[in-house]
Protein backbone atom coordinates (compact mmCIF):
# COMPACT_ATOMS: atom_id res chain seq x y z
CA MET A 1 -96.57 -66.41 41.82
CA THR A 2 -100.03 -65.39 40.75
CA GLU A 3 -100.02 -62.74 38.05
CA SER A 4 -101.78 -59.67 39.36
CA PRO A 5 -104.56 -57.78 37.59
CA THR A 6 -103.32 -54.46 36.28
CA HIS A 7 -105.67 -52.42 38.45
CA THR A 8 -103.82 -53.45 41.62
CA THR A 9 -101.66 -50.50 42.63
CA LEU A 10 -97.91 -51.01 42.47
CA GLU A 11 -96.12 -49.37 45.39
CA LEU A 12 -92.68 -51.01 45.48
CA PHE A 13 -90.61 -52.62 42.72
CA ALA A 14 -87.56 -54.64 43.83
CA SER A 15 -84.91 -55.35 41.23
CA ASP A 16 -81.83 -57.50 41.18
CA ILE A 17 -78.80 -55.83 39.61
CA ASP A 18 -76.41 -58.15 37.76
CA GLY A 19 -78.24 -59.95 34.97
CA THR A 20 -81.38 -57.87 35.55
CA LEU A 21 -80.83 -54.11 35.86
CA LEU A 22 -77.52 -54.34 34.01
CA THR A 23 -76.71 -55.76 30.60
CA SER A 24 -74.02 -58.40 30.24
CA ASP A 25 -71.47 -55.63 29.71
CA HIS A 26 -72.73 -53.84 32.84
CA ARG A 27 -74.71 -51.01 31.27
CA ILE A 28 -78.19 -49.67 31.99
CA THR A 29 -80.18 -49.33 28.78
CA ASP A 30 -82.11 -46.18 27.94
CA GLU A 31 -85.35 -48.18 28.09
CA VAL A 32 -84.64 -49.37 31.62
CA ARG A 33 -83.68 -45.86 32.74
CA ALA A 34 -86.93 -44.49 31.34
CA ALA A 35 -89.01 -47.23 32.98
CA ILE A 36 -87.46 -46.58 36.38
CA ALA A 37 -87.97 -42.84 36.00
CA ARG A 38 -91.61 -43.42 35.08
CA ALA A 39 -92.16 -45.63 38.11
CA ARG A 40 -90.66 -42.97 40.34
CA GLU A 41 -92.88 -40.29 38.78
CA LEU A 42 -95.87 -42.42 39.77
CA GLY A 43 -94.65 -42.64 43.37
CA VAL A 44 -93.33 -46.20 43.23
CA HIS A 45 -90.35 -47.05 45.43
CA VAL A 46 -87.66 -48.69 43.27
CA ILE A 47 -85.49 -50.85 45.52
CA LEU A 48 -82.22 -52.34 44.31
CA ALA A 49 -81.54 -55.74 45.91
CA SER A 50 -78.21 -57.38 45.23
CA ALA A 51 -75.29 -59.36 46.51
CA ARG A 52 -73.20 -56.24 45.85
CA SER A 53 -71.95 -54.04 48.68
CA PRO A 54 -73.92 -51.01 49.91
CA GLN A 55 -71.36 -48.67 48.37
CA ALA A 56 -71.50 -50.40 44.98
CA ILE A 57 -75.30 -50.25 44.93
CA ALA A 58 -75.20 -46.59 45.96
CA LEU A 59 -73.20 -45.77 42.82
CA LEU A 60 -76.04 -47.17 40.72
CA GLN A 61 -78.64 -45.38 42.81
CA ASP A 62 -76.87 -42.11 42.06
CA GLU A 63 -76.89 -42.91 38.34
CA LEU A 64 -80.65 -43.61 38.47
CA ASN A 65 -81.67 -40.73 40.75
CA LEU A 66 -82.56 -43.19 43.51
CA VAL A 67 -80.35 -41.67 46.21
CA GLY A 68 -82.10 -41.87 49.56
CA GLU A 69 -84.14 -44.96 48.74
CA PRO A 70 -83.39 -47.94 50.98
CA LEU A 71 -81.39 -50.77 49.44
CA VAL A 72 -80.76 -54.44 50.06
CA ALA A 73 -77.05 -55.26 49.91
CA LEU A 74 -74.77 -58.25 50.42
CA GLN A 75 -77.53 -60.73 49.63
CA GLY A 76 -79.72 -59.21 52.34
CA ALA A 77 -77.09 -59.19 55.09
CA TRP A 78 -77.18 -55.37 55.06
CA VAL A 79 -80.37 -53.35 54.62
CA GLY A 80 -80.50 -49.59 54.89
CA ARG A 81 -79.73 -46.29 53.19
CA VAL A 82 -76.53 -44.82 51.78
CA THR A 83 -76.51 -41.04 51.50
CA PRO A 84 -73.81 -38.39 51.05
CA ASP A 85 -73.76 -38.19 54.85
CA GLY A 86 -72.93 -41.89 55.29
CA THR A 87 -74.72 -45.18 55.86
CA ALA A 88 -77.81 -45.77 57.97
CA PRO A 89 -78.47 -49.50 58.42
CA LEU A 90 -81.93 -50.83 59.16
CA ALA A 91 -80.65 -54.37 59.67
CA GLN A 92 -77.35 -56.26 59.63
CA HIS A 93 -76.83 -60.01 59.87
CA ARG A 94 -73.27 -61.07 60.63
CA ILE A 95 -71.67 -64.47 60.28
CA SER A 96 -70.10 -65.65 63.53
CA PRO A 97 -66.29 -65.50 63.73
CA GLU A 98 -66.13 -69.29 64.16
CA ASP A 99 -68.22 -69.95 61.06
CA ALA A 100 -66.28 -67.36 59.08
CA ARG A 101 -62.97 -69.02 59.94
CA ALA A 102 -64.39 -72.41 58.92
CA VAL A 103 -65.46 -71.17 55.48
CA VAL A 104 -62.15 -69.40 54.87
CA ALA A 105 -60.37 -72.65 55.75
CA ALA A 106 -62.63 -74.66 53.43
CA ALA A 107 -61.84 -72.37 50.49
CA ALA A 108 -58.13 -72.51 51.28
CA ALA A 109 -58.27 -76.32 51.42
CA VAL A 110 -59.36 -76.45 47.77
CA ASN A 111 -57.12 -73.52 46.80
CA THR A 112 -59.93 -71.33 45.51
CA PRO A 113 -60.43 -67.57 45.99
CA LEU A 114 -62.80 -66.16 48.60
CA SER A 115 -63.92 -62.61 49.31
CA TRP A 116 -64.92 -61.29 52.75
CA PHE A 117 -67.38 -58.41 53.02
CA ASN A 118 -67.91 -56.06 55.94
CA SER A 119 -70.31 -53.14 55.75
CA ASP A 120 -67.79 -50.73 54.27
CA ALA A 121 -64.92 -52.82 52.87
CA TRP A 122 -64.10 -56.11 51.19
CA TYR A 123 -61.01 -58.31 51.23
CA TYR A 124 -59.69 -61.17 49.10
CA THR A 125 -57.72 -64.25 50.09
CA MET A 126 -55.53 -64.66 47.01
CA GLU A 127 -54.58 -62.84 43.84
CA ALA A 128 -56.94 -63.87 41.05
CA ASP A 129 -58.48 -62.38 37.93
CA VAL A 130 -61.78 -62.06 39.76
CA VAL A 131 -60.35 -59.39 42.08
CA GLY A 132 -59.69 -56.98 39.22
CA TYR A 133 -62.95 -57.96 37.56
CA GLU A 134 -65.02 -57.19 40.66
CA THR A 135 -63.26 -53.86 41.08
CA ARG A 136 -64.02 -52.86 37.48
CA VAL A 137 -67.61 -54.06 37.53
CA THR A 138 -68.67 -52.66 40.91
CA GLY A 139 -66.47 -49.57 41.07
CA ILE A 140 -65.33 -50.52 44.58
CA ALA A 141 -61.71 -51.60 45.10
CA PRO A 142 -60.82 -54.13 47.81
CA ALA A 143 -59.26 -52.98 51.06
CA GLY A 144 -56.51 -55.56 50.58
CA VAL A 145 -55.57 -59.14 51.28
CA LEU A 146 -57.63 -60.74 54.02
CA ASP A 147 -56.14 -61.01 57.48
CA VAL A 148 -58.89 -62.75 59.40
CA ASP A 149 -57.87 -61.50 62.84
CA THR A 150 -57.76 -57.90 61.64
CA ALA A 151 -61.05 -58.16 59.75
CA LEU A 152 -62.75 -59.63 62.81
CA VAL A 153 -62.04 -56.50 64.83
CA GLU A 154 -65.25 -55.12 63.28
CA GLY A 155 -67.04 -58.40 63.98
CA GLY A 156 -67.96 -61.33 61.79
CA PRO A 157 -68.39 -60.67 58.08
CA LEU A 158 -71.77 -59.86 56.61
CA LYS A 159 -71.10 -62.04 53.59
CA LEU A 160 -68.50 -64.43 52.22
CA MET A 161 -68.34 -64.96 48.47
CA VAL A 162 -66.72 -67.73 46.44
CA PRO A 163 -66.50 -66.89 42.73
CA PRO A 164 -66.55 -69.47 39.94
CA ASN A 165 -63.08 -70.90 39.37
CA PRO A 166 -62.46 -71.98 35.76
CA ALA A 167 -59.29 -73.78 36.81
CA GLN A 168 -61.21 -75.81 39.41
CA PRO A 169 -64.84 -76.16 38.29
CA ASP A 170 -65.79 -78.22 41.35
CA ALA A 171 -64.33 -75.84 43.94
CA VAL A 172 -67.53 -73.87 44.56
CA ALA A 173 -69.53 -77.06 45.10
CA GLU A 174 -66.87 -78.39 47.46
CA VAL A 175 -67.01 -75.26 49.62
CA LEU A 176 -70.82 -75.35 49.58
CA ALA A 177 -70.80 -78.97 50.74
CA THR A 178 -68.74 -78.11 53.82
CA LEU A 179 -70.74 -75.09 55.03
CA PRO A 180 -71.62 -75.07 58.72
CA ASP A 181 -75.29 -75.84 59.37
CA SER A 182 -75.75 -72.30 60.70
CA LEU A 183 -75.03 -70.77 57.27
CA ILE A 184 -76.70 -70.84 53.88
CA GLY A 185 -75.14 -70.66 50.45
CA GLN A 186 -77.06 -69.34 47.47
CA MET A 187 -76.01 -69.16 43.83
CA THR A 188 -76.39 -65.99 41.81
CA GLY A 189 -77.27 -65.90 38.14
CA GLU A 190 -73.56 -65.33 37.50
CA HIS A 191 -72.63 -68.55 39.38
CA TYR A 192 -71.14 -66.91 42.46
CA LEU A 193 -71.66 -68.66 45.79
CA GLU A 194 -72.98 -66.12 48.31
CA ILE A 195 -72.67 -67.27 51.94
CA THR A 196 -74.65 -65.60 54.72
CA GLN A 197 -76.67 -66.20 57.84
CA PRO A 198 -80.11 -67.70 57.11
CA ASP A 199 -81.73 -64.41 58.17
CA ALA A 200 -79.85 -62.65 55.38
CA ASP A 201 -81.91 -62.99 52.22
CA LYS A 202 -82.96 -60.46 49.61
CA SER A 203 -86.61 -61.23 50.30
CA HIS A 204 -86.21 -60.52 54.02
CA GLY A 205 -84.62 -57.17 53.20
CA VAL A 206 -87.37 -56.23 50.75
CA ALA A 207 -90.01 -57.27 53.31
CA LEU A 208 -88.39 -55.06 55.96
CA ILE A 209 -88.33 -52.07 53.61
CA ALA A 210 -91.93 -52.69 52.58
CA GLU A 211 -92.93 -52.77 56.24
CA GLN A 212 -91.16 -49.45 56.80
CA PHE A 213 -93.20 -47.92 53.98
CA GLY A 214 -96.45 -49.60 55.00
CA VAL A 215 -96.59 -51.60 51.77
CA SER A 216 -98.30 -55.00 51.81
CA PRO A 217 -97.18 -57.87 49.51
CA VAL A 218 -100.00 -57.08 47.07
CA GLY A 219 -98.23 -53.80 46.28
CA ILE A 220 -94.83 -55.41 45.65
CA ALA A 221 -93.29 -56.56 42.36
CA ALA A 222 -89.85 -58.10 41.89
CA ALA A 223 -87.54 -59.02 39.03
CA GLY A 224 -84.42 -61.15 38.92
CA ASP A 225 -82.42 -63.78 37.09
CA GLY A 226 -80.80 -65.96 39.74
CA PRO A 227 -81.74 -68.65 42.25
CA ASN A 228 -81.05 -66.07 44.96
CA ASP A 229 -83.97 -64.01 43.60
CA ILE A 230 -86.61 -66.70 44.10
CA GLY A 231 -87.31 -65.55 47.65
CA MET A 232 -88.30 -62.15 46.28
CA PHE A 233 -90.62 -63.88 43.80
CA THR A 234 -92.32 -65.67 46.69
CA LEU A 235 -92.79 -62.42 48.59
CA ALA A 236 -94.01 -60.29 45.70
CA HIS A 237 -97.51 -60.28 44.24
CA ARG A 238 -96.01 -59.83 40.78
CA SER A 239 -92.77 -61.57 39.87
CA TYR A 240 -90.69 -61.44 36.71
CA ALA A 241 -87.86 -63.73 35.65
CA MET A 242 -85.46 -62.38 33.09
CA GLY A 243 -85.13 -64.20 29.79
CA ASN A 244 -81.52 -65.00 30.68
CA ALA A 245 -82.59 -66.79 33.88
CA GLY A 246 -82.31 -70.55 34.18
CA PRO A 247 -85.33 -72.86 33.90
CA ALA A 248 -85.68 -73.31 37.67
CA VAL A 249 -85.84 -69.54 38.20
CA LYS A 250 -88.30 -69.01 35.36
CA ALA A 251 -90.55 -71.70 36.82
CA GLU A 252 -90.92 -69.71 40.05
CA ALA A 253 -91.91 -66.41 38.42
CA GLY A 254 -95.34 -65.18 37.43
CA GLN A 255 -94.03 -64.01 34.08
CA VAL A 256 -90.88 -64.28 31.96
CA VAL A 257 -89.70 -61.13 30.19
CA ALA A 258 -86.94 -60.39 27.69
CA ASP A 259 -83.33 -60.89 28.73
CA ASN A 260 -81.13 -58.27 30.36
CA ASN A 261 -79.54 -57.29 27.06
CA ASN A 262 -82.96 -56.48 25.61
CA SER A 263 -84.38 -54.33 28.42
CA GLY A 264 -86.45 -57.07 30.01
CA LEU A 265 -86.57 -55.08 33.25
CA ALA A 266 -88.29 -52.21 31.43
CA ALA A 267 -90.97 -54.62 30.22
CA ALA A 268 -91.41 -55.96 33.75
CA ILE A 269 -91.84 -52.48 35.21
CA ALA A 270 -94.31 -51.50 32.49
CA HIS A 271 -96.37 -54.64 33.11
CA ALA A 272 -96.35 -54.12 36.86
CA LEU A 273 -97.50 -50.54 36.36
CA GLY A 274 -100.25 -51.71 34.03
CA THR A 275 -98.94 -49.59 31.17
């Protein structure tokens, strides 16, 4: 993306969470906190966009005094607000029951874990270390073991997720290769396979929120570290790849900043603000 002159007014800053907002041990540095607070003081909307659930993102919003701001959750499959009064979706993009069953079967065929996400709960297919890890990292415990018929009472899932499997390094690629044509699979910076409808993308969610606020692309900046953040880079007038991002992600950004353990997001926000 073209790097913007500093006099162009920043109105909305979209940030990925894991590998961007958070350090590798899942903390928010003081520098990043201060940068977000400064952006808010200047009237900039700070939008968190992640593959995490709405409830998990809301916990971070509370920590950063961002409660009430819209958020992009589940890789863009859920866009809306989470407040003490509940959730208010602006958009939801569900996977069809048929496609969901096919992906669950594909993961089972290679004996690898899969997680199923609805708007307010997530389920896992088998006991694995990743279940406890996700609970600790996100602060949201699973609702239990997946029973597809029961989960489908709410409708198709918003997202299916296949984590990296150290015991079977090729499992994620094998599931990706069998995806129905009506679905897309995107890799995060942490090597998770996030499966959604094509309409579910972080960039689509950020664009919807920007439209709600009357913000044009020239007023948008975005930062991220994963292949699933490139869409936001394409949308935004200013784009920042974290130093911990891979070469392909860095190549798509207007600027590369320090890594997530060295407050690269704070540098990105400062640059976007022209400070």
